[in-house]
C-alpha cells in the first residue's frame, strides 16, 4: 500500500489521471451523461403533444416502404433554440432534398430498432 502512495506522490501526472477518471466515473454514476439531461428533444418524447421542429436536412432522403427518411439538424423546437440531430420519417409525396431548411410538425418517439439508425451520420 505504501508503494502505491509513494508512486502517486512521485508521479503527479498519474495521480491527476486517476483523479480525473474517478470524477468521470462518479459523474456517470449520478447520471450526468444520460440522454435525459443532455437532450431537450428527449424530454418531449414522453408527452403526446405535437412538436414543431425547424432545421436543415443533412442526408439525402431515402425512400422506405411508407415514405421518406432523412436526418435533420434542428435549430428550433417549439420556439426554443436547439442544436440536435433527429431522424425524420415523412410522407412520400413531399419533395425535399439535402440542404433544405424545413419545419416539421408531429410527435416524437424513440426508434424501436437500431436498424433505423445510421450512427456514423448522427455523430
PDB file of N, CA and C in Angstrom:
ATOM      1  N   UNK A   1       0.827  -1.189   0.000  1.00  0.00           N
ATOM      2  CA  UNK A   1       0.000   0.000   0.000  1.00  0.00           C
ATOM      3  C   UNK A   1       0.869   1.250   0.000  1.00  0.00           C
ATOM      4  N   UNK A   2       1.949   1.224   0.780  1.00  0.00           N
ATOM      5  CA  UNK A   2       2.857   2.378   0.818  1.00  0.00           C
ATOM      6  C   UNK A   2       3.507   2.599  -0.536  1.00  0.00           C
ATOM      7  N   UNK A   3       3.778   1.503  -1.249  1.00  0.00           N
ATOM      8  CA  UNK A   3       4.378   1.633  -2.574  1.00  0.00           C
ATOM      9  C   UNK A   3       3.460   2.401  -3.521  1.00  0.00           C
ATOM     10  N   UNK A   4       2.180   2.120  -3.464  1.00  0.00           N
ATOM     11  CA  UNK A   4       1.207   2.812  -4.323  1.00  0.00           C
ATOM     12  C   UNK A   4       1.147   4.289  -3.978  1.00  0.00           C
ATOM     13  N   UNK A   5       1.130   4.616  -2.710  1.00  0.00           N
ATOM     14  CA  UNK A   5       1.059   6.021  -2.291  1.00  0.00           C
ATOM     15  C   UNK A   5       2.329   6.763  -2.695  1.00  0.00           C
ATOM     16  N   UNK A   6       3.515   6.127  -2.518  1.00  0.00           N
ATOM     17  CA  UNK A   6       4.765   6.772  -2.929  1.00  0.00           C
ATOM     18  C   UNK A   6       4.798   6.987  -4.435  1.00  0.00           C
ATOM     19  N   UNK A   7       4.299   6.019  -5.205  1.00  0.00           N
ATOM     20  CA  UNK A   7       4.281   6.159  -6.660  1.00  0.00           C
ATOM     21  C   UNK A   7       3.370   7.305  -7.081  1.00  0.00           C
ATOM     22  N   UNK A   8       2.211   7.422  -6.454  1.00  0.00           N
ATOM     23  CA  UNK A   8       1.288   8.503  -6.795  1.00  0.00           C
ATOM     24  C   UNK A   8       1.864   9.867  -6.435  1.00  0.00           C
ATOM     25  N   UNK A   9       2.610   9.943  -5.354  1.00  0.00           N
ATOM     26  CA  UNK A   9       3.211  11.224  -4.956  1.00  0.00           C
ATOM     27  C   UNK A   9       4.383  11.599  -5.850  1.00  0.00           C
ATOM     28  N   UNK A  10       5.127  10.605  -6.336  1.00  0.00           N
ATOM     29  CA  UNK A  10       6.283  10.887  -7.184  1.00  0.00           C
ATOM     30  C   UNK A  10       5.873  11.235  -8.610  1.00  0.00           C
ATOM     31  N   UNK A  11       4.763  10.711  -9.046  1.00  0.00           N
ATOM     32  CA  UNK A  11       4.320  10.928 -10.433  1.00  0.00           C
ATOM     33  C   UNK A  11       2.957  11.624 -10.423  1.00  0.00           C
ATOM     34  N   UNK A  12       2.965  12.967 -10.442  1.00  0.00           N
ATOM     35  CA  UNK A  12       1.691  13.694 -10.345  1.00  0.00           C
ATOM     36  C   UNK A  12       0.781  13.503 -11.558  1.00  0.00           C
ATOM     37  N   UNK A  13       1.342  13.199 -12.709  1.00  0.00           N
ATOM     38  CA  UNK A  13       0.500  13.004 -13.897  1.00  0.00           C
ATOM     39  C   UNK A  13      -0.378  11.766 -13.720  1.00  0.00           C
ATOM     40  N   UNK A  14       0.193  10.718 -13.158  1.00  0.00           N
ATOM     41  CA  UNK A  14      -0.592   9.509 -12.904  1.00  0.00           C
ATOM     42  C   UNK A  14      -1.684   9.804 -11.881  1.00  0.00           C
ATOM     43  N   UNK A  15      -1.349  10.562 -10.860  1.00  0.00           N
ATOM     44  CA  UNK A  15      -2.326  10.923  -9.833  1.00  0.00           C
ATOM     45  C   UNK A  15      -3.461  11.746 -10.427  1.00  0.00           C
ATOM     46  N   UNK A  16      -3.114  12.719 -11.265  1.00  0.00           N
ATOM     47  CA  UNK A  16      -4.140  13.559 -11.897  1.00  0.00           C
ATOM     48  C   UNK A  16      -5.045  12.715 -12.785  1.00  0.00           C
ATOM     49  N   UNK A  17      -4.464  11.785 -13.539  1.00  0.00           N
ATOM     50  CA  UNK A  17      -5.267  10.924 -14.408  1.00  0.00           C
ATOM     51  C   UNK A  17      -6.226  10.057 -13.596  1.00  0.00           C
ATOM     52  N   UNK A  18      -5.748   9.493 -12.504  1.00  0.00           N
ATOM     53  CA  UNK A  18      -6.603   8.641 -11.674  1.00  0.00           C
ATOM     54  C   UNK A  18      -7.740   9.450 -11.058  1.00  0.00           C
ATOM     55  N   UNK A  19      -7.443  10.655 -10.579  1.00  0.00           N
ATOM     56  CA  UNK A  19      -8.489  11.516 -10.010  1.00  0.00           C
ATOM     57  C   UNK A  19      -9.501  11.896 -11.089  1.00  0.00           C
ATOM     58  N   UNK A  20      -9.014  12.236 -12.289  1.00  0.00           N
ATOM     59  CA  UNK A  20      -9.896  12.595 -13.404  1.00  0.00           C
ATOM     60  C   UNK A  20     -10.812  11.426 -13.774  1.00  0.00           C
ATOM     61  N   UNK A  21     -10.244  10.227 -13.870  1.00  0.00           N
ATOM     62  CA  UNK A  21     -11.051   9.045 -14.197  1.00  0.00           C
ATOM     63  C   UNK A  21     -12.086   8.778 -13.110  1.00  0.00           C
ATOM     64  N   UNK A  22     -11.709   8.959 -11.855  1.00  0.00           N
ATOM     65  CA  UNK A  22     -12.636   8.751 -10.747  1.00  0.00           C
ATOM     66  C   UNK A  22     -13.787   9.758 -10.803  1.00  0.00           C
ATOM     67  N   UNK A  23     -13.486  11.014 -11.133  1.00  0.00           N
ATOM     68  CA  UNK A  23     -14.536  12.040 -11.257  1.00  0.00           C
ATOM     69  C   UNK A  23     -15.495  11.690 -12.390  1.00  0.00           C
ATOM     70  N   UNK A  24     -14.961  11.230 -13.526  1.00  0.00           N
ATOM     71  CA  UNK A  24     -15.830  10.841 -14.643  1.00  0.00           C
ATOM     72  C   UNK A  24     -16.719   9.653 -14.278  1.00  0.00           C
ATOM     73  N   UNK A  25     -16.175   8.708 -13.550  1.00  0.00           N
ATOM     74  CA  UNK A  25     -16.973   7.552 -13.119  1.00  0.00           C
ATOM     75  C   UNK A  25     -18.089   7.994 -12.185  1.00  0.00           C
ATOM     76  N   UNK A  26     -17.795   8.918 -11.272  1.00  0.00           N
ATOM     77  CA  UNK A  26     -18.829   9.430 -10.368  1.00  0.00           C
ATOM     78  C   UNK A  26     -19.913  10.196 -11.123  1.00  0.00           C
ATOM     79  N   UNK A  27     -19.503  11.045 -12.066  1.00  0.00           N
ATOM     80  CA  UNK A  27     -20.493  11.797 -12.846  1.00  0.00           C
ATOM     81  C   UNK A  27     -21.396  10.858 -13.635  1.00  0.00           C
ATOM     82  N   UNK A  28     -20.821   9.811 -14.197  1.00  0.00           N
ATOM     83  CA  UNK A  28     -21.617   8.841 -14.939  1.00  0.00           C
ATOM     84  C   UNK A  28     -22.553   8.081 -14.009  1.00  0.00           C
ATOM     85  N   UNK A  29     -22.096   7.765 -12.816  1.00  0.00           N
ATOM     86  CA  UNK A  29     -22.937   7.045 -11.857  1.00  0.00           C
ATOM     87  C   UNK A  29     -24.138   7.876 -11.425  1.00  0.00           C
ATOM     88  N   UNK A  30     -23.975   9.182 -11.328  1.00  0.00           N
ATOM     89  CA  UNK A  30     -25.081  10.058 -10.939  1.00  0.00           C
ATOM     90  C   UNK A  30     -25.942  10.470 -12.129  1.00  0.00           C
ATOM     91  N   UNK A  31     -25.623   9.999 -13.341  1.00  0.00           N
ATOM     92  CA  UNK A  31     -26.469  10.238 -14.497  1.00  0.00           C
ATOM     93  C   UNK A  31     -26.250  11.543 -15.216  1.00  0.00           C
ATOM     94  N   UNK A  32     -25.105  12.193 -15.037  1.00  0.00           N
ATOM     95  CA  UNK A  32     -24.867  13.466 -15.710  1.00  0.00           C
ATOM     96  C   UNK A  32     -24.653  13.309 -17.209  1.00  0.00           C
ATOM     97  N   UNK A  33     -24.316  12.117 -17.688  1.00  0.00           N
ATOM     98  CA  UNK A  33     -24.095  11.897 -19.107  1.00  0.00           C
ATOM     99  C   UNK A  33     -25.293  11.231 -19.787  1.00  0.00           C
ATOM    100  N   UNK A  34     -26.409  11.115 -19.096  1.00  0.00           N
ATOM    101  CA  UNK A  34     -27.576  10.438 -19.660  1.00  0.00           C
ATOM    102  C   UNK A  34     -28.265  11.317 -20.706  1.00  0.00           C
ATOM    103  N   UNK A  35     -29.009  10.671 -21.598  1.00  0.00           N
ATOM    104  CA  UNK A  35     -29.728  11.397 -22.657  1.00  0.00           C
ATOM    105  C   UNK A  35     -30.747  12.365 -22.083  1.00  0.00           C
ATOM    106  N   UNK A  36     -31.362  12.000 -20.978  1.00  0.00           N
ATOM    107  CA  UNK A  36     -32.404  12.841 -20.397  1.00  0.00           C
ATOM    108  C   UNK A  36     -31.865  14.201 -19.973  1.00  0.00           C
ATOM    109  N   UNK A  37     -30.638  14.249 -19.513  1.00  0.00           N
ATOM    110  CA  UNK A  37     -30.074  15.517 -19.055  1.00  0.00           C
ATOM    111  C   UNK A  37     -29.416  16.307 -20.176  1.00  0.00           C
ATOM    112  N   UNK A  38     -29.040  15.657 -21.267  1.00  0.00           N
ATOM    113  CA  UNK A  38     -28.316  16.339 -22.323  1.00  0.00           C
ATOM    114  C   UNK A  38     -29.199  16.767 -23.487  1.00  0.00           C
ATOM    115  N   UNK A  39     -30.372  16.204 -23.647  1.00  0.00           N
ATOM    116  CA  UNK A  39     -31.192  16.455 -24.822  1.00  0.00           C
ATOM    117  C   UNK A  39     -32.522  17.109 -24.449  1.00  0.00           C
ATOM    118  N   UNK A  40     -32.802  18.241 -25.087  1.00  0.00           N
ATOM    119  CA  UNK A  40     -34.090  18.910 -24.899  1.00  0.00           C
ATOM    120  C   UNK A  40     -35.195  18.112 -25.586  1.00  0.00           C
ATOM    121  N   UNK A  41     -34.922  17.584 -26.773  1.00  0.00           N
ATOM    122  CA  UNK A  41     -35.934  16.832 -27.523  1.00  0.00           C
ATOM    123  C   UNK A  41     -36.282  15.515 -26.836  1.00  0.00           C
ATOM    124  N   UNK A  42     -35.321  14.918 -26.151  1.00  0.00           N
ATOM    125  CA  UNK A  42     -35.578  13.656 -25.453  1.00  0.00           C
ATOM    126  C   UNK A  42     -36.636  13.838 -24.374  1.00  0.00           C
ATOM    127  N   UNK A  43     -36.681  15.022 -23.772  1.00  0.00           N
ATOM    128  CA  UNK A  43     -37.676  15.307 -22.735  1.00  0.00           C
ATOM    129  C   UNK A  43     -39.080  15.412 -23.320  1.00  0.00           C
ATOM    130  N   UNK A  44     -39.196  15.731 -24.610  1.00  0.00           N
ATOM    131  CA  UNK A  44     -40.501  15.901 -25.246  1.00  0.00           C
ATOM    132  C   UNK A  44     -41.093  14.590 -25.753  1.00  0.00           C
ATOM    133  N   UNK A  45     -40.360  13.488 -25.656  1.00  0.00           N
ATOM    134  CA  UNK A  45     -40.839  12.208 -26.187  1.00  0.00           C
ATOM    135  C   UNK A  45     -42.004  11.665 -25.377  1.00  0.00           C
ATOM    136  N   UNK A  46     -41.985  11.799 -24.081  1.00  0.00           N
ATOM    137  CA  UNK A  46     -42.984  11.183 -23.216  1.00  0.00           C
ATOM    138  C   UNK A  46     -44.400  11.691 -23.410  1.00  0.00           C
ATOM    139  N   UNK A  47     -44.568  12.980 -23.683  1.00  0.00           N
ATOM    140  CA  UNK A  47     -45.930  13.510 -23.811  1.00  0.00           C
ATOM    141  C   UNK A  47     -46.460  13.309 -25.224  1.00  0.00           C
ATOM    142  N   UNK A  48     -47.758  13.372 -25.388  1.00  0.00           N
ATOM    143  CA  UNK A  48     -48.375  13.147 -26.694  1.00  0.00           C
ATOM    144  C   UNK A  48     -48.667  14.443 -27.431  1.00  0.00           C
ATOM    145  N   UNK A  49     -48.024  15.520 -27.045  1.00  0.00           N
ATOM    146  CA  UNK A  49     -48.244  16.797 -27.718  1.00  0.00           C
ATOM    147  C   UNK A  49     -47.502  16.843 -29.045  1.00  0.00           C
ATOM    148  N   UNK A  50     -48.032  17.639 -29.959  1.00  0.00           N
ATOM    149  CA  UNK A  50     -47.377  17.849 -31.242  1.00  0.00           C
ATOM    150  C   UNK A  50     -46.202  18.797 -31.054  1.00  0.00           C
ATOM    151  N   UNK A  51     -45.081  18.462 -31.674  1.00  0.00           N
ATOM    152  CA  UNK A  51     -43.863  19.257 -31.569  1.00  0.00           C
ATOM    153  C   UNK A  51     -43.570  19.873 -32.930  1.00  0.00           C
ATOM    154  N   UNK A  52     -43.210  21.148 -32.938  1.00  0.00           N
ATOM    155  CA  UNK A  52     -42.822  21.838 -34.165  1.00  0.00           C
ATOM    156  C   UNK A  52     -41.308  21.997 -34.164  1.00  0.00           C
ATOM    157  N   UNK A  53     -40.653  21.395 -35.155  1.00  0.00           N
ATOM    158  CA  UNK A  53     -39.194  21.395 -35.231  1.00  0.00           C
ATOM    159  C   UNK A  53     -38.776  22.002 -36.560  1.00  0.00           C
ATOM    160  N   UNK A  54     -37.830  22.938 -36.506  1.00  0.00           N
ATOM    161  CA  UNK A  54     -37.291  23.540 -37.724  1.00  0.00           C
ATOM    162  C   UNK A  54     -35.813  23.222 -37.799  1.00  0.00           C
ATOM    163  N   UNK A  55     -35.330  22.934 -39.016  1.00  0.00           N
ATOM    164  CA  UNK A  55     -33.916  22.626 -39.165  1.00  0.00           C
ATOM    165  C   UNK A  55     -33.543  22.343 -40.604  1.00  0.00           C
ATOM    166  N   UNK A  56     -32.285  21.948 -40.786  1.00  0.00           N
ATOM    167  CA  UNK A  56     -31.721  21.688 -42.111  1.00  0.00           C
ATOM    168  C   UNK A  56     -31.559  20.185 -42.315  1.00  0.00           C
ATOM    169  N   UNK A  57     -31.898  19.725 -43.515  1.00  0.00           N
ATOM    170  CA  UNK A  57     -31.751  18.312 -43.864  1.00  0.00           C
ATOM    171  C   UNK A  57     -30.279  18.031 -44.148  1.00  0.00           C
ATOM    172  N   UNK A  58     -29.712  17.044 -43.444  1.00  0.00           N
ATOM    173  CA  UNK A  58     -28.291  16.729 -43.580  1.00  0.00           C
ATOM    174  C   UNK A  58     -28.010  15.571 -44.524  1.00  0.00           C
ATOM    175  N   UNK A  59     -28.956  14.673 -44.693  1.00  0.00           N
ATOM    176  CA  UNK A  59     -28.716  13.493 -45.522  1.00  0.00           C
ATOM    177  C   UNK A  59     -29.659  13.491 -46.720  1.00  0.00           C
ATOM    178  N   UNK A  60     -29.301  12.710 -47.703  1.00  0.00           N
ATOM    179  CA  UNK A  60     -30.170  12.537 -48.868  1.00  0.00           C
ATOM    180  C   UNK A  60     -31.370  11.702 -48.425  1.00  0.00           C
ATOM    181  N   UNK A  61     -32.600  12.178 -48.648  1.00  0.00           N
ATOM    182  CA  UNK A  61     -33.781  11.410 -48.232  1.00  0.00           C
ATOM    183  C   UNK A  61     -33.827  10.043 -48.915  1.00  0.00           C
ATOM    184  N   UNK A  62     -34.016   9.003 -48.125  1.00  0.00           N
ATOM    185  CA  UNK A  62     -34.088   7.639 -48.637  1.00  0.00           C
ATOM    186  C   UNK A  62     -35.540   7.203 -48.702  1.00  0.00           C
ATOM    187  N   UNK A  63     -35.896   6.549 -49.790  1.00  0.00           N
ATOM    188  CA  UNK A  63     -37.250   6.015 -49.911  1.00  0.00           C
ATOM    189  C   UNK A  63     -37.351   4.743 -49.084  1.00  0.00           C
ATOM    190  N   UNK A  64     -38.338   4.692 -48.223  1.00  0.00           N
ATOM    191  CA  UNK A  64     -38.635   3.495 -47.442  1.00  0.00           C
ATOM    192  C   UNK A  64     -40.048   3.065 -47.803  1.00  0.00           C
ATOM    193  N   UNK A  65     -40.501   1.965 -47.240  1.00  0.00           N
ATOM    194  CA  UNK A  65     -41.774   1.390 -47.677  1.00  0.00           C
ATOM    195  C   UNK A  65     -42.976   2.313 -47.492  1.00  0.00           C
ATOM    196  N   UNK A  66     -42.947   3.192 -46.502  1.00  0.00           N
ATOM    197  CA  UNK A  66     -44.116   4.049 -46.283  1.00  0.00           C
ATOM    198  C   UNK A  66     -43.783   5.541 -46.329  1.00  0.00           C
ATOM    199  N   UNK A  67     -42.706   5.926 -46.976  1.00  0.00           N
ATOM    200  CA  UNK A  67     -42.377   7.344 -47.079  1.00  0.00           C
ATOM    201  C   UNK A  67     -40.904   7.575 -47.327  1.00  0.00           C
ATOM    202  N   UNK A  68     -40.430   8.711 -46.804  1.00  0.00           N
ATOM    203  CA  UNK A  68     -39.023   9.075 -46.928  1.00  0.00           C
ATOM    204  C   UNK A  68     -38.431   9.214 -45.535  1.00  0.00           C
ATOM    205  N   UNK A  69     -37.161   8.904 -45.427  1.00  0.00           N
ATOM    206  CA  UNK A  69     -36.453   9.018 -44.153  1.00  0.00           C
ATOM    207  C   UNK A  69     -35.179   9.811 -44.389  1.00  0.00           C
ATOM    208  N   UNK A  70     -34.918  10.775 -43.492  1.00  0.00           N
ATOM    209  CA  UNK A  70     -33.706  11.582 -43.603  1.00  0.00           C
ATOM    210  C   UNK A  70     -33.293  12.080 -42.231  1.00  0.00           C
ATOM    211  N   UNK A  71     -32.061  12.559 -42.148  1.00  0.00           N
ATOM    212  CA  UNK A  71     -31.523  13.109 -40.900  1.00  0.00           C
ATOM    213  C   UNK A  71     -31.591  14.622 -40.985  1.00  0.00           C
ATOM    214  N   UNK A  72     -32.063  15.231 -39.904  1.00  0.00           N
ATOM    215  CA  UNK A  72     -32.235  16.679 -39.858  1.00  0.00           C
ATOM    216  C   UNK A  72     -31.536  17.233 -38.624  1.00  0.00           C
ATOM    217  N   UNK A  73     -30.802  18.327 -38.806  1.00  0.00           N
ATOM    218  CA  UNK A  73     -30.200  19.026 -37.666  1.00  0.00           C
ATOM    219  C   UNK A  73     -31.141  20.151 -37.283  1.00  0.00           C
ATOM    220  N   UNK A  74     -31.658  20.092 -36.074  1.00  0.00           N
ATOM    221  CA  UNK A  74     -32.667  21.050 -35.639  1.00  0.00           C
ATOM    222  C   UNK A  74     -32.022  22.371 -35.239  1.00  0.00           C
ATOM    223  N   UNK A  75     -32.768  23.452 -35.466  1.00  0.00           N
ATOM    224  CA  UNK A  75     -32.335  24.769 -34.993  1.00  0.00           C
ATOM    225  C   UNK A  75     -33.298  25.291 -33.931  1.00  0.00           C
ATOM    226  N   UNK A  76     -34.593  24.969 -34.082  1.00  0.00           N
ATOM    227  CA  UNK A  76     -35.580  25.343 -33.062  1.00  0.00           C
ATOM    228  C   UNK A  76     -36.566  24.198 -32.864  1.00  0.00           C
ATOM    229  N   UNK A  77     -37.072  24.092 -31.654  1.00  0.00           N
ATOM    230  CA  UNK A  77     -38.116  23.120 -31.329  1.00  0.00           C
ATOM    231  C   UNK A  77     -39.105  23.814 -30.409  1.00  0.00           C
ATOM    232  N   UNK A  78     -40.331  23.965 -30.872  1.00  0.00           N
ATOM    233  CA  UNK A  78     -41.376  24.684 -30.122  1.00  0.00           C
ATOM    234  C   UNK A  78     -40.923  26.082 -29.726  1.00  0.00           C
ATOM    235  N   UNK A  79     -40.179  26.739 -30.608  1.00  0.00           N
ATOM    236  CA  UNK A  79     -39.732  28.106 -30.352  1.00  0.00           C
ATOM    237  C   UNK A  79     -38.465  28.226 -29.539  1.00  0.00           C
ATOM    238  N   UNK A  80     -37.930  27.130 -29.029  1.00  0.00           N
ATOM    239  CA  UNK A  80     -36.693  27.157 -28.245  1.00  0.00           C
ATOM    240  C   UNK A  80     -35.515  26.783 -29.134  1.00  0.00           C
ATOM    241  N   UNK A  81     -34.388  27.454 -28.942  1.00  0.00           N
ATOM    242  CA  UNK A  81     -33.188  27.149 -29.721  1.00  0.00           C
ATOM    243  C   UNK A  81     -32.637  25.788 -29.307  1.00  0.00           C
ATOM    244  N   UNK A  82     -32.458  24.909 -30.302  1.00  0.00           N
ATOM    245  CA  UNK A  82     -31.980  23.547 -30.060  1.00  0.00           C
ATOM    246  C   UNK A  82     -30.998  23.193 -31.165  1.00  0.00           C
ATOM    247  N   UNK A  83     -29.948  22.480 -30.830  1.00  0.00           N
ATOM    248  CA  UNK A  83     -28.997  22.018 -31.840  1.00  0.00           C
ATOM    249  C   UNK A  83     -28.786  20.520 -31.647  1.00  0.00           C
ATOM    250  N   UNK A  84     -29.697  19.732 -32.209  1.00  0.00           N
ATOM    251  CA  UNK A  84     -29.635  18.278 -32.107  1.00  0.00           C
ATOM    252  C   UNK A  84     -29.971  17.672 -33.460  1.00  0.00           C
ATOM    253  N   UNK A  85     -29.596  16.416 -33.647  1.00  0.00           N
ATOM    254  CA  UNK A  85     -29.905  15.712 -34.888  1.00  0.00           C
ATOM    255  C   UNK A  85     -31.003  14.688 -34.620  1.00  0.00           C
ATOM    256  N   UNK A  86     -31.959  14.603 -35.555  1.00  0.00           N
ATOM    257  CA  UNK A  86     -33.054  13.646 -35.426  1.00  0.00           C
ATOM    258  C   UNK A  86     -33.273  12.944 -36.760  1.00  0.00           C
ATOM    259  N   UNK A  87     -33.902  11.789 -36.701  1.00  0.00           N
ATOM    260  CA  UNK A  87     -34.304  11.065 -37.903  1.00  0.00           C
ATOM    261  C   UNK A  87     -35.773  11.382 -38.142  1.00  0.00           C
ATOM    262  N   UNK A  88     -36.098  11.811 -39.358  1.00  0.00           N
ATOM    263  CA  UNK A  88     -37.464  12.211 -39.697  1.00  0.00           C
ATOM    264  C   UNK A  88     -38.023  11.235 -40.723  1.00  0.00           C
ATOM    265  N   UNK A  89     -39.230  10.756 -40.478  1.00  0.00           N
ATOM    266  CA  UNK A  89     -39.976   9.966 -41.452  1.00  0.00           C
ATOM    267  C   UNK A  89     -41.070  10.859 -42.005  1.00  0.00           C
ATOM    268  N   UNK A  90     -41.108  11.029 -43.322  1.00  0.00           N
ATOM    269  CA  UNK A  90     -42.102  11.920 -43.923  1.00  0.00           C
ATOM    270  C   UNK A  90     -42.931  11.171 -44.961  1.00  0.00           C
ATOM    271  N   UNK A  91     -43.985  11.822 -45.398  1.00  0.00           N
ATOM    272  CA  UNK A  91     -44.864  11.291 -46.435  1.00  0.00           C
ATOM    273  C   UNK A  91     -44.084  11.229 -47.748  1.00  0.00           C
ATOM    274  N   UNK A  92     -44.310  10.193 -48.584  1.00  0.00           N
ATOM    275  CA  UNK A  92     -43.537  10.077 -49.827  1.00  0.00           C
ATOM    276  C   UNK A  92     -43.827  11.187 -50.833  1.00  0.00           C
ATOM    277  N   UNK A  93     -44.940  11.894 -50.681  1.00  0.00           N
ATOM    278  CA  UNK A  93     -45.291  12.931 -51.641  1.00  0.00           C
ATOM    279  C   UNK A  93     -44.532  14.231 -51.464  1.00  0.00           C
ATOM    280  N   UNK A  94     -43.886  14.424 -50.320  1.00  0.00           N
ATOM    281  CA  UNK A  94     -43.155  15.664 -50.080  1.00  0.00           C
ATOM    282  C   UNK A  94     -41.863  15.680 -50.885  1.00  0.00           C
ATOM    283  N   UNK A  95     -41.572  16.820 -51.474  1.00  0.00           N
ATOM    284  CA  UNK A  95     -40.346  16.974 -52.251  1.00  0.00           C
ATOM    285  C   UNK A  95     -39.308  17.691 -51.393  1.00  0.00           C
ATOM    286  N   UNK A  96     -38.381  16.939 -50.836  1.00  0.00           N
ATOM    287  CA  UNK A  96     -37.317  17.507 -50.013  1.00  0.00           C
ATOM    288  C   UNK A  96     -35.980  16.974 -50.510  1.00  0.00           C
ATOM    289  N   UNK A  97     -34.932  17.756 -50.290  1.00  0.00           N
ATOM    290  CA  UNK A  97     -33.598  17.316 -50.679  1.00  0.00           C
ATOM    291  C   UNK A  97     -32.591  17.769 -49.632  1.00  0.00           C
ATOM    292  N   UNK A  98     -31.395  17.274 -49.754  1.00  0.00           N
ATOM    293  CA  UNK A  98     -30.334  17.581 -48.800  1.00  0.00           C
ATOM    294  C   UNK A  98     -30.036  19.078 -48.822  1.00  0.00           C
ATOM    295  N   UNK A  99     -29.969  19.696 -47.649  1.00  0.00           N
ATOM    296  CA  UNK A  99     -29.679  21.123 -47.542  1.00  0.00           C
ATOM    297  C   UNK A  99     -30.901  21.997 -47.372  1.00  0.00           C
ATOM    298  N   UNK A 100     -32.094  21.461 -47.602  1.00  0.00           N
ATOM    299  CA  UNK A 100     -33.321  22.246 -47.433  1.00  0.00           C
ATOM    300  C   UNK A 100     -33.544  22.568 -45.957  1.00  0.00           C
ATOM    301  N   UNK A 101     -34.075  23.758 -45.702  1.00  0.00           N
ATOM    302  CA  UNK A 101     -34.489  24.126 -44.353  1.00  0.00           C
ATOM    303  C   UNK A 101     -35.998  23.956 -44.302  1.00  0.00           C
ATOM    304  N   UNK A 102     -36.456  23.107 -43.390  1.00  0.00           N
ATOM    305  CA  UNK A 102     -37.880  22.788 -43.331  1.00  0.00           C
ATOM    306  C   UNK A 102     -38.396  22.918 -41.904  1.00  0.00           C
ATOM    307  N   UNK A 103     -39.707  23.000 -41.787  1.00  0.00           N
ATOM    308  CA  UNK A 103     -40.385  22.995 -40.498  1.00  0.00           C
ATOM    309  C   UNK A 103     -41.287  21.765 -40.474  1.00  0.00           C
ATOM    310  N   UNK A 104     -41.095  20.915 -39.487  1.00  0.00           N
ATOM    311  CA  UNK A 104     -41.830  19.656 -39.387  1.00  0.00           C
ATOM    312  C   UNK A 104     -42.647  19.682 -38.105  1.00  0.00           C
ATOM    313  N   UNK A 105     -43.902  19.254 -38.200  1.00  0.00           N
ATOM    314  CA  UNK A 105     -44.743  19.128 -37.014  1.00  0.00           C
ATOM    315  C   UNK A 105     -45.163  17.678 -36.869  1.00  0.00           C
ATOM    316  N   UNK A 106     -45.116  17.186 -35.659  1.00  0.00           N
ATOM    317  CA  UNK A 106     -45.505  15.807 -35.406  1.00  0.00           C
ATOM    318  C   UNK A 106     -45.161  15.400 -33.994  1.00  0.00           C
ATOM    319  N   UNK A 107     -45.251  14.106 -33.740  1.00  0.00           N
ATOM    320  CA  UNK A 107     -44.948  13.569 -32.415  1.00  0.00           C
ATOM    321  C   UNK A 107     -43.578  12.907 -32.448  1.00  0.00           C
ATOM    322  N   UNK A 108     -42.819  13.104 -31.386  1.00  0.00           N
ATOM    323  CA  UNK A 108     -41.506  12.488 -31.271  1.00  0.00           C
ATOM    324  C   UNK A 108     -41.631  11.122 -30.611  1.00  0.00           C
ATOM    325  N   UNK A 109     -40.819  10.180 -31.072  1.00  0.00           N
ATOM    326  CA  UNK A 109     -40.750   8.879 -30.418  1.00  0.00           C
ATOM    327  C   UNK A 109     -39.365   8.295 -30.627  1.00  0.00           C
ATOM    328  N   UNK A 110     -38.997   7.392 -29.724  1.00  0.00           N
ATOM    329  CA  UNK A 110     -37.726   6.697 -29.855  1.00  0.00           C
ATOM    330  C   UNK A 110     -37.892   5.576 -30.865  1.00  0.00           C
ATOM    331  N   UNK A 111     -36.853   5.346 -31.630  1.00  0.00           N
ATOM    332  CA  UNK A 111     -36.862   4.247 -32.577  1.00  0.00           C
ATOM    333  C   UNK A 111     -36.790   2.932 -31.814  1.00  0.00           C
ATOM    334  N   UNK A 112     -37.573   1.961 -32.236  1.00  0.00           N
ATOM    335  CA  UNK A 112     -37.602   0.673 -31.551  1.00  0.00           C
ATOM    336  C   UNK A 112     -36.465  -0.235 -31.983  1.00  0.00           C
ATOM    337  N   UNK A 113     -35.888   0.023 -33.138  1.00  0.00           N
ATOM    338  CA  UNK A 113     -34.846  -0.840 -33.663  1.00  0.00           C
ATOM    339  C   UNK A 113     -33.653  -0.011 -34.094  1.00  0.00           C
ATOM    340  N   UNK A 114     -32.469  -0.550 -33.891  1.00  0.00           N
ATOM    341  CA  UNK A 114     -31.274   0.164 -34.325  1.00  0.00           C
ATOM    342  C   UNK A 114     -31.091   0.075 -35.835  1.00  0.00           C
ATOM    343  N   UNK A 115     -31.911  -0.712 -36.521  1.00  0.00           N
ATOM    344  CA  UNK A 115     -31.817  -0.805 -37.976  1.00  0.00           C
ATOM    345  C   UNK A 115     -32.198   0.514 -38.635  1.00  0.00           C
ATOM    346  N   UNK A 116     -32.962   1.359 -37.923  1.00  0.00           N
ATOM    347  CA  UNK A 116     -33.361   2.644 -38.475  1.00  0.00           C
ATOM    348  C   UNK A 116     -32.248   3.682 -38.376  1.00  0.00           C
ATOM    349  N   UNK A 117     -31.260   3.413 -37.559  1.00  0.00           N
ATOM    350  CA  UNK A 117     -30.230   4.411 -37.298  1.00  0.00           C
ATOM    351  C   UNK A 117     -29.038   4.236 -38.220  1.00  0.00           C
ATOM    352  N   UNK A 118     -28.493   5.356 -38.633  1.00  0.00           N
ATOM    353  CA  UNK A 118     -27.223   5.380 -39.336  1.00  0.00           C
ATOM    354  C   UNK A 118     -26.280   6.135 -38.402  1.00  0.00           C
ATOM    355  N   UNK A 119     -25.706   5.436 -37.433  1.00  0.00           N
ATOM    356  CA  UNK A 119     -24.974   6.078 -36.351  1.00  0.00           C
ATOM    357  C   UNK A 119     -23.818   6.961 -36.815  1.00  0.00           C
ATOM    358  N   UNK A 120     -23.018   6.579 -37.819  1.00  0.00           N
ATOM    359  CA  UNK A 120     -21.923   7.472 -38.217  1.00  0.00           C
ATOM    360  C   UNK A 120     -22.408   8.834 -38.712  1.00  0.00           C
ATOM    361  N   UNK A 121     -23.571   8.894 -39.327  1.00  0.00           N
ATOM    362  CA  UNK A 121     -24.050  10.183 -39.822  1.00  0.00           C
ATOM    363  C   UNK A 121     -24.663  11.030 -38.716  1.00  0.00           C
ATOM    364  N   UNK A 122     -25.003  10.434 -37.573  1.00  0.00           N
ATOM    365  CA  UNK A 122     -25.549  11.202 -36.460  1.00  0.00           C
ATOM    366  C   UNK A 122     -24.465  11.836 -35.608  1.00  0.00           C
ATOM    367  N   UNK A 123     -23.242  11.412 -35.774  1.00  0.00           N
ATOM    368  CA  UNK A 123     -22.152  11.947 -34.945  1.00  0.00           C
ATOM    369  C   UNK A 123     -21.625  13.231 -35.538  1.00  0.00           C
TER     370      UNK A 123
END
